[in-house]
Amino acid sequence: MDYVGRFAPSPTGPLHFGSLVAALASWLDARAVGGRWILRMEDLDKPREQPGAADAILRQLDALGLTWDGPVLYQSRRETRYREALDRLVQAGLCYPCACSRREIADSALGIDGAHIYPGTCRAGLPPGRPARAVRVRTAGEPIRFVDRVQGDCVQDVEREVGDFVVMRADGLLAYQLAVVVDDFDQGVTDVVRGADLVDSTARQILLQRALGYPMPRYAHVPVAVNAAGEKLSKQTGAGAIDTAQAGPALARALVFLGQPPPFDLPPGELLPWARAHWEIRQVPRTRLRAAPAEC
């Protein structure tokens, strides 16, 4: 099968070092084998979107030399497609309506991703007089196992560690877990290379792929860049935007972070060709978190 990789940022702000690491790893993994690299804007959650961020990200990627193939896909334009997939799950009896608020499950145990594990209150039907607020996937069965190309063997019992998870939110928005699975299938994605903060979401996505009859892509989760306090680099933790006027140093730092240090005397214009020719995903540090360079 021909390689198709993708980068799927959320337009909540411009690219910072952490998002550059994920983009570069995905781009190199695709280009090193002559594959396609496509771009998707995960802009379903409009309240979190920053005006102009999507265009800013496109400009940054272009200035960095991380060119993509084909048109950009915007999740905000695909609600009908996601609802079709949701309808299939509902018709197959794999989902159920839920009337519970966050407050009502606040006493539940915390799951692997820090969210509360749903106690199954509405599994057998809505309580009398309570309208549905959300739609959840009914989890059950054997633990999900997959081999991550960076993190190694991964296993998760979704029912025990996450619980019945939401695929349509109380505000009517389709949830990320469903949208990303539908998009990866529709775009023919064969390989997902992304930050290790999403490794705990992968089992849920594999569960949905199986339920919908979709093939499973290969996964590779690269380390997440954290600051001196151990916090993931983000807009909320004060991560600065990548300065594309200093593209060479930014790319070099990202390559070192990914375990692919370039020759110290390599001209900036030769960084990406060198990295593409020498990319070895086996050299990416096998850890979920890694300290970002002090300059970032």
Protein backbone atom coordinates (compact mmCIF):
# COMPACT_ATOMS: atom_id res chain seq x y z
CA MET A 1 0.00 0.00 0.00
CA ASP A 2 1.28 3.47 -0.86
CA TYR A 3 2.21 5.55 2.17
CA VAL A 4 -0.16 8.38 3.12
CA GLY A 5 0.72 10.42 6.20
CA ARG A 6 -0.99 13.44 7.67
CA PHE A 7 -0.59 16.38 10.01
CA ALA A 8 -3.76 17.51 11.76
CA PRO A 9 -3.30 20.62 13.89
CA SER A 10 -6.05 22.37 15.81
CA PRO A 11 -6.14 26.09 14.90
CA THR A 12 -5.94 27.34 18.47
CA GLY A 13 -2.76 29.31 17.79
CA PRO A 14 0.33 29.34 15.55
CA LEU A 15 2.85 26.51 15.40
CA HIS A 16 5.22 26.35 18.37
CA PHE A 17 8.18 24.03 18.92
CA GLY A 18 6.03 21.15 20.14
CA SER A 19 3.75 21.21 17.10
CA LEU A 20 6.77 21.63 14.80
CA VAL A 21 8.22 18.40 16.21
CA ALA A 22 5.03 16.49 15.39
CA ALA A 23 4.74 18.04 11.93
CA LEU A 24 8.38 17.41 11.06
CA ALA A 25 8.31 13.78 12.23
CA SER A 26 5.17 13.09 10.21
CA TRP A 27 6.55 14.89 7.13
CA LEU A 28 9.90 13.07 7.24
CA ASP A 29 8.34 9.65 7.78
CA ALA A 30 6.23 10.16 4.65
CA ARG A 31 8.82 11.83 2.43
CA ALA A 32 11.60 9.37 3.36
CA VAL A 33 9.68 6.61 1.53
CA GLY A 34 8.29 8.79 -1.26
CA GLY A 35 4.87 8.93 0.35
CA ARG A 36 2.15 11.55 0.32
CA TRP A 37 1.70 14.00 3.20
CA ILE A 38 -1.68 15.63 3.63
CA LEU A 39 -2.92 18.37 5.89
CA ARG A 40 -6.10 18.52 7.95
CA MET A 41 -7.41 21.32 10.13
CA GLU A 42 -9.17 19.91 13.19
CA ASP A 43 -11.45 22.91 13.60
CA LEU A 44 -14.59 21.22 14.90
CA ASP A 45 -14.44 22.96 18.27
CA LYS A 46 -15.16 26.53 17.21
CA PRO A 47 -15.11 28.03 20.74
CA ARG A 48 -11.43 27.01 21.06
CA GLU A 49 -10.41 28.25 17.60
CA GLN A 50 -8.30 31.38 17.36
CA PRO A 51 -9.24 33.66 14.43
CA GLY A 52 -6.57 33.54 11.74
CA ALA A 53 -4.70 30.61 13.31
CA ALA A 54 -5.43 28.16 10.48
CA ASP A 55 -3.98 30.50 7.86
CA ALA A 56 -1.02 31.28 10.11
CA ILE A 57 -0.22 27.57 10.44
CA LEU A 58 -0.34 27.12 6.66
CA ARG A 59 2.04 30.04 6.16
CA GLN A 60 4.44 28.69 8.77
CA LEU A 61 4.51 25.20 7.27
CA ASP A 62 5.12 26.63 3.81
CA ALA A 63 7.94 28.88 5.06
CA LEU A 64 9.55 25.93 6.84
CA GLY A 65 9.52 23.87 3.64
CA LEU A 66 6.98 21.34 4.95
CA THR A 67 4.87 21.26 1.81
CA TRP A 68 1.77 19.11 1.59
CA ASP A 69 -0.12 17.24 -1.12
CA GLY A 70 -3.62 18.09 -2.27
CA PRO A 71 -6.15 20.45 -0.71
CA VAL A 72 -6.40 21.05 3.03
CA LEU A 73 -9.31 19.23 4.67
CA TYR A 74 -11.33 21.22 7.22
CA GLN A 75 -13.30 19.19 9.74
CA SER A 76 -15.82 22.00 10.19
CA ARG A 77 -17.08 21.30 6.66
CA ARG A 78 -17.67 17.58 7.22
CA GLU A 79 -20.39 17.36 9.86
CA THR A 80 -22.74 15.46 7.53
CA ARG A 81 -20.11 12.78 6.99
CA TYR A 82 -19.49 12.36 10.71
CA ARG A 83 -23.21 12.08 11.40
CA GLU A 84 -23.47 9.34 8.79
CA ALA A 85 -20.82 7.36 10.67
CA LEU A 86 -22.57 8.03 13.99
CA ASP A 87 -25.86 6.78 12.53
CA ARG A 88 -24.13 3.53 11.51
CA LEU A 89 -22.90 3.02 15.05
CA VAL A 90 -26.32 3.76 16.53
CA GLN A 91 -28.08 1.41 14.09
CA ALA A 92 -25.63 -1.34 14.97
CA GLY A 93 -26.47 -0.92 18.66
CA LEU A 94 -22.97 0.21 19.53
CA CYS A 95 -24.00 3.60 20.93
CA TYR A 96 -26.61 4.88 23.36
CA PRO A 97 -27.98 8.27 24.46
CA CYS A 98 -26.80 9.64 27.78
CA ALA A 99 -28.55 12.18 30.02
CA CYS A 100 -25.73 12.64 32.55
CA SER A 101 -24.03 15.96 33.17
CA ARG A 102 -20.37 16.34 34.10
CA ARG A 103 -21.38 17.11 37.67
CA GLU A 104 -23.25 13.80 37.92
CA ILE A 105 -20.17 11.75 37.06
CA ALA A 106 -17.67 13.93 38.94
CA ASP A 107 -17.35 11.32 41.71
CA SER A 108 -16.35 8.57 39.29
CA ALA A 109 -12.79 7.25 39.17
CA LEU A 110 -10.33 8.98 36.89
CA GLY A 111 -9.42 7.20 33.67
CA ILE A 112 -6.09 6.85 31.90
CA ASP A 113 -6.52 10.24 30.20
CA GLY A 114 -7.49 12.10 33.36
CA ALA A 115 -11.20 12.21 32.54
CA HIS A 116 -13.82 10.56 34.73
CA ILE A 117 -14.71 6.98 33.82
CA TYR A 118 -18.40 6.86 32.97
CA PRO A 119 -20.22 4.60 35.48
CA GLY A 120 -22.76 3.33 32.94
CA THR A 121 -25.78 5.14 34.38
CA CYS A 122 -27.65 5.31 31.06
CA ARG A 123 -26.42 2.05 29.53
CA ALA A 124 -29.80 0.36 30.04
CA GLY A 125 -31.80 3.42 28.95
CA LEU A 126 -32.43 7.02 29.86
CA PRO A 127 -33.81 7.72 33.35
CA PRO A 128 -37.52 8.65 33.30
CA GLY A 129 -38.12 12.24 32.28
CA ARG A 130 -34.48 12.89 31.38
CA PRO A 131 -33.63 14.01 27.82
CA ALA A 132 -30.47 12.84 26.08
CA ARG A 133 -27.49 15.18 26.35
CA ALA A 134 -24.83 13.18 24.54
CA VAL A 135 -24.20 9.90 22.73
CA ARG A 136 -21.71 7.36 24.09
CA VAL A 137 -20.01 4.28 22.65
CA ARG A 138 -20.74 1.05 24.48
CA THR A 139 -17.32 -0.39 25.36
CA ALA A 140 -16.73 -4.08 25.98
CA GLY A 141 -14.58 -6.97 24.91
CA GLU A 142 -10.90 -7.78 24.93
CA PRO A 143 -8.26 -5.12 25.57
CA ILE A 144 -7.05 -3.27 22.48
CA ARG A 145 -3.44 -4.08 21.55
CA PHE A 146 -1.23 -2.40 18.96
CA VAL A 147 2.45 -1.97 18.25
CA ASP A 148 3.56 1.65 18.18
CA ARG A 149 6.59 2.28 15.97
CA VAL A 150 8.15 4.50 18.65
CA GLN A 151 6.57 3.54 21.97
CA GLY A 152 6.50 -0.22 21.35
CA ASP A 153 3.79 -2.62 22.54
CA CYS A 154 0.68 -0.84 23.81
CA VAL A 155 -2.43 -2.30 25.42
CA GLN A 156 -5.52 -0.66 26.85
CA ASP A 157 -8.72 -2.06 28.33
CA VAL A 158 -11.01 0.71 27.10
CA GLU A 159 -13.99 -0.38 29.19
CA ARG A 160 -12.00 -0.42 32.43
CA GLU A 161 -9.51 2.42 31.81
CA VAL A 162 -11.70 4.90 29.88
CA GLY A 163 -15.29 3.74 30.02
CA ASP A 164 -18.11 4.41 27.57
CA PHE A 165 -16.82 7.51 25.81
CA VAL A 166 -18.65 10.36 24.13
CA VAL A 167 -18.95 10.52 20.34
CA MET A 168 -21.51 13.36 20.26
CA ARG A 169 -21.23 16.05 22.89
CA ALA A 170 -24.01 17.77 24.81
CA ASP A 171 -23.53 20.88 22.64
CA GLY A 172 -24.23 18.83 19.51
CA LEU A 173 -20.64 18.74 18.28
CA LEU A 174 -19.25 15.45 17.03
CA ALA A 175 -16.34 14.35 19.20
CA TYR A 176 -12.71 14.25 18.11
CA GLN A 177 -12.41 10.46 18.45
CA LEU A 178 -15.09 9.83 15.82
CA ALA A 179 -14.09 12.64 13.46
CA VAL A 180 -10.43 11.63 13.29
CA VAL A 181 -11.31 8.00 12.52
CA VAL A 182 -13.66 9.00 9.69
CA ASP A 183 -11.14 11.47 8.28
CA ASP A 184 -8.25 9.01 8.33
CA PHE A 185 -10.39 6.47 6.47
CA ASP A 186 -11.75 8.92 3.90
CA GLN A 187 -8.28 10.34 3.21
CA GLY A 188 -6.68 6.90 2.89
CA VAL A 189 -4.22 7.53 5.71
CA THR A 190 -1.88 4.56 6.19
CA ASP A 191 0.42 6.02 8.85
CA VAL A 192 -0.31 8.31 11.79
CA VAL A 193 2.77 10.00 13.26
CA ARG A 194 1.83 12.38 16.08
CA GLY A 195 2.61 13.43 19.65
CA ALA A 196 2.63 10.88 22.46
CA ASP A 197 -0.04 12.86 24.32
CA LEU A 198 -2.47 11.11 21.97
CA VAL A 199 -1.27 7.55 22.52
CA ASP A 200 -4.01 6.97 25.11
CA SER A 201 -6.63 7.95 22.51
CA THR A 202 -5.45 5.34 20.03
CA ALA A 203 -7.30 2.37 21.52
CA ARG A 204 -10.60 4.25 21.32
CA GLN A 205 -9.90 5.07 17.71
CA ILE A 206 -9.05 1.45 16.92
CA LEU A 207 -12.31 0.39 18.60
CA LEU A 208 -14.23 2.77 16.33
CA GLN A 209 -12.30 1.62 13.25
CA ARG A 210 -13.29 -1.96 13.97
CA ALA A 211 -16.91 -1.01 14.58
CA LEU A 212 -17.09 0.86 11.26
CA GLY A 213 -15.13 -1.75 9.29
CA TYR A 214 -12.19 0.57 8.60
CA PRO A 215 -8.57 -0.58 8.29
CA MET A 216 -6.19 0.40 11.06
CA PRO A 217 -3.27 2.65 10.12
CA ARG A 218 0.18 2.18 11.62
CA TYR A 219 0.87 4.43 14.59
CA ALA A 220 3.99 6.20 15.79
CA HIS A 221 3.84 8.53 18.78
CA VAL A 222 6.86 10.80 19.16
CA PRO A 223 7.82 12.46 22.45
CA VAL A 224 5.89 15.52 23.55
CA ALA A 225 8.02 18.62 24.20
CA VAL A 226 7.66 19.93 27.75
CA ASN A 227 8.95 23.06 29.46
CA ALA A 228 11.15 23.28 32.56
CA ALA A 229 8.08 22.77 34.76
CA GLY A 230 7.21 19.54 32.93
CA GLU A 231 4.21 21.10 31.18
CA LYS A 232 3.40 20.33 27.57
CA LEU A 233 4.33 23.23 25.31
CA SER A 234 1.14 24.99 24.27
CA LYS A 235 -0.46 28.38 23.97
CA GLN A 236 -1.72 27.97 27.54
CA THR A 237 1.80 27.35 28.90
CA GLY A 238 3.27 30.31 27.02
CA ALA A 239 4.95 28.51 24.13
CA GLY A 240 6.14 31.03 21.54
CA ALA A 241 5.32 30.83 17.86
CA ILE A 242 7.97 29.44 15.51
CA ASP A 243 9.90 32.31 13.92
CA THR A 244 10.01 31.30 10.26
CA ALA A 245 12.73 33.90 9.64
CA GLN A 246 14.87 31.49 11.68
CA ALA A 247 13.62 28.32 9.98
CA GLY A 248 17.04 26.65 9.87
CA PRO A 249 17.74 26.77 13.62
CA ALA A 250 14.16 25.76 14.42
CA LEU A 251 14.35 22.72 12.16
CA ALA A 252 17.77 21.78 13.51
CA ARG A 253 16.51 21.88 17.11
CA ALA A 254 13.50 19.75 16.17
CA LEU A 255 15.76 17.18 14.47
CA VAL A 256 17.97 16.94 17.56
CA PHE A 257 14.85 16.52 19.72
CA LEU A 258 13.77 13.64 17.46
CA GLY A 259 17.15 11.90 17.75
CA GLN A 260 18.25 12.86 14.23
CA PRO A 261 21.03 15.42 14.83
CA PRO A 262 22.23 16.98 11.55
CA PRO A 263 25.90 17.76 10.83
CA PHE A 264 26.82 20.97 12.68
CA ASP A 265 28.09 22.67 9.51
CA LEU A 266 25.09 21.80 7.31
CA PRO A 267 23.66 24.93 5.58
CA PRO A 268 20.03 25.67 6.54
CA GLY A 269 18.82 25.10 2.99
CA GLU A 270 20.12 21.54 3.07
CA LEU A 271 18.57 20.49 6.39
CA LEU A 272 15.35 18.99 5.04
CA PRO A 273 16.98 17.10 2.12
CA TRP A 274 19.56 15.68 4.54
CA ALA A 275 16.91 14.78 7.12
CA ARG A 276 14.70 13.11 4.51
CA ALA A 277 17.62 10.98 3.31
CA HIS A 278 18.73 10.02 6.83
CA TRP A 279 15.40 9.67 8.66
CA GLU A 280 15.36 6.69 11.05
CA ILE A 281 12.26 6.41 13.20
CA ARG A 282 14.11 3.83 15.31
CA GLN A 283 16.31 6.67 16.57
CA VAL A 284 13.40 8.67 17.97
CA PRO A 285 13.65 8.54 21.79
CA ARG A 286 11.26 5.95 23.20
CA THR A 287 9.67 8.20 25.78
CA ARG A 288 6.39 10.07 26.01
CA LEU A 289 7.84 13.34 27.33
CA ARG A 290 11.09 15.14 26.57
CA ALA A 291 12.40 18.52 27.66
CA ALA A 292 12.36 21.14 24.93
CA PRO A 293 15.54 23.08 24.21
CA ALA A 294 16.01 26.11 26.42
CA GLU A 295 15.65 28.36 23.37
CA CYS A 296 12.05 27.21 22.97
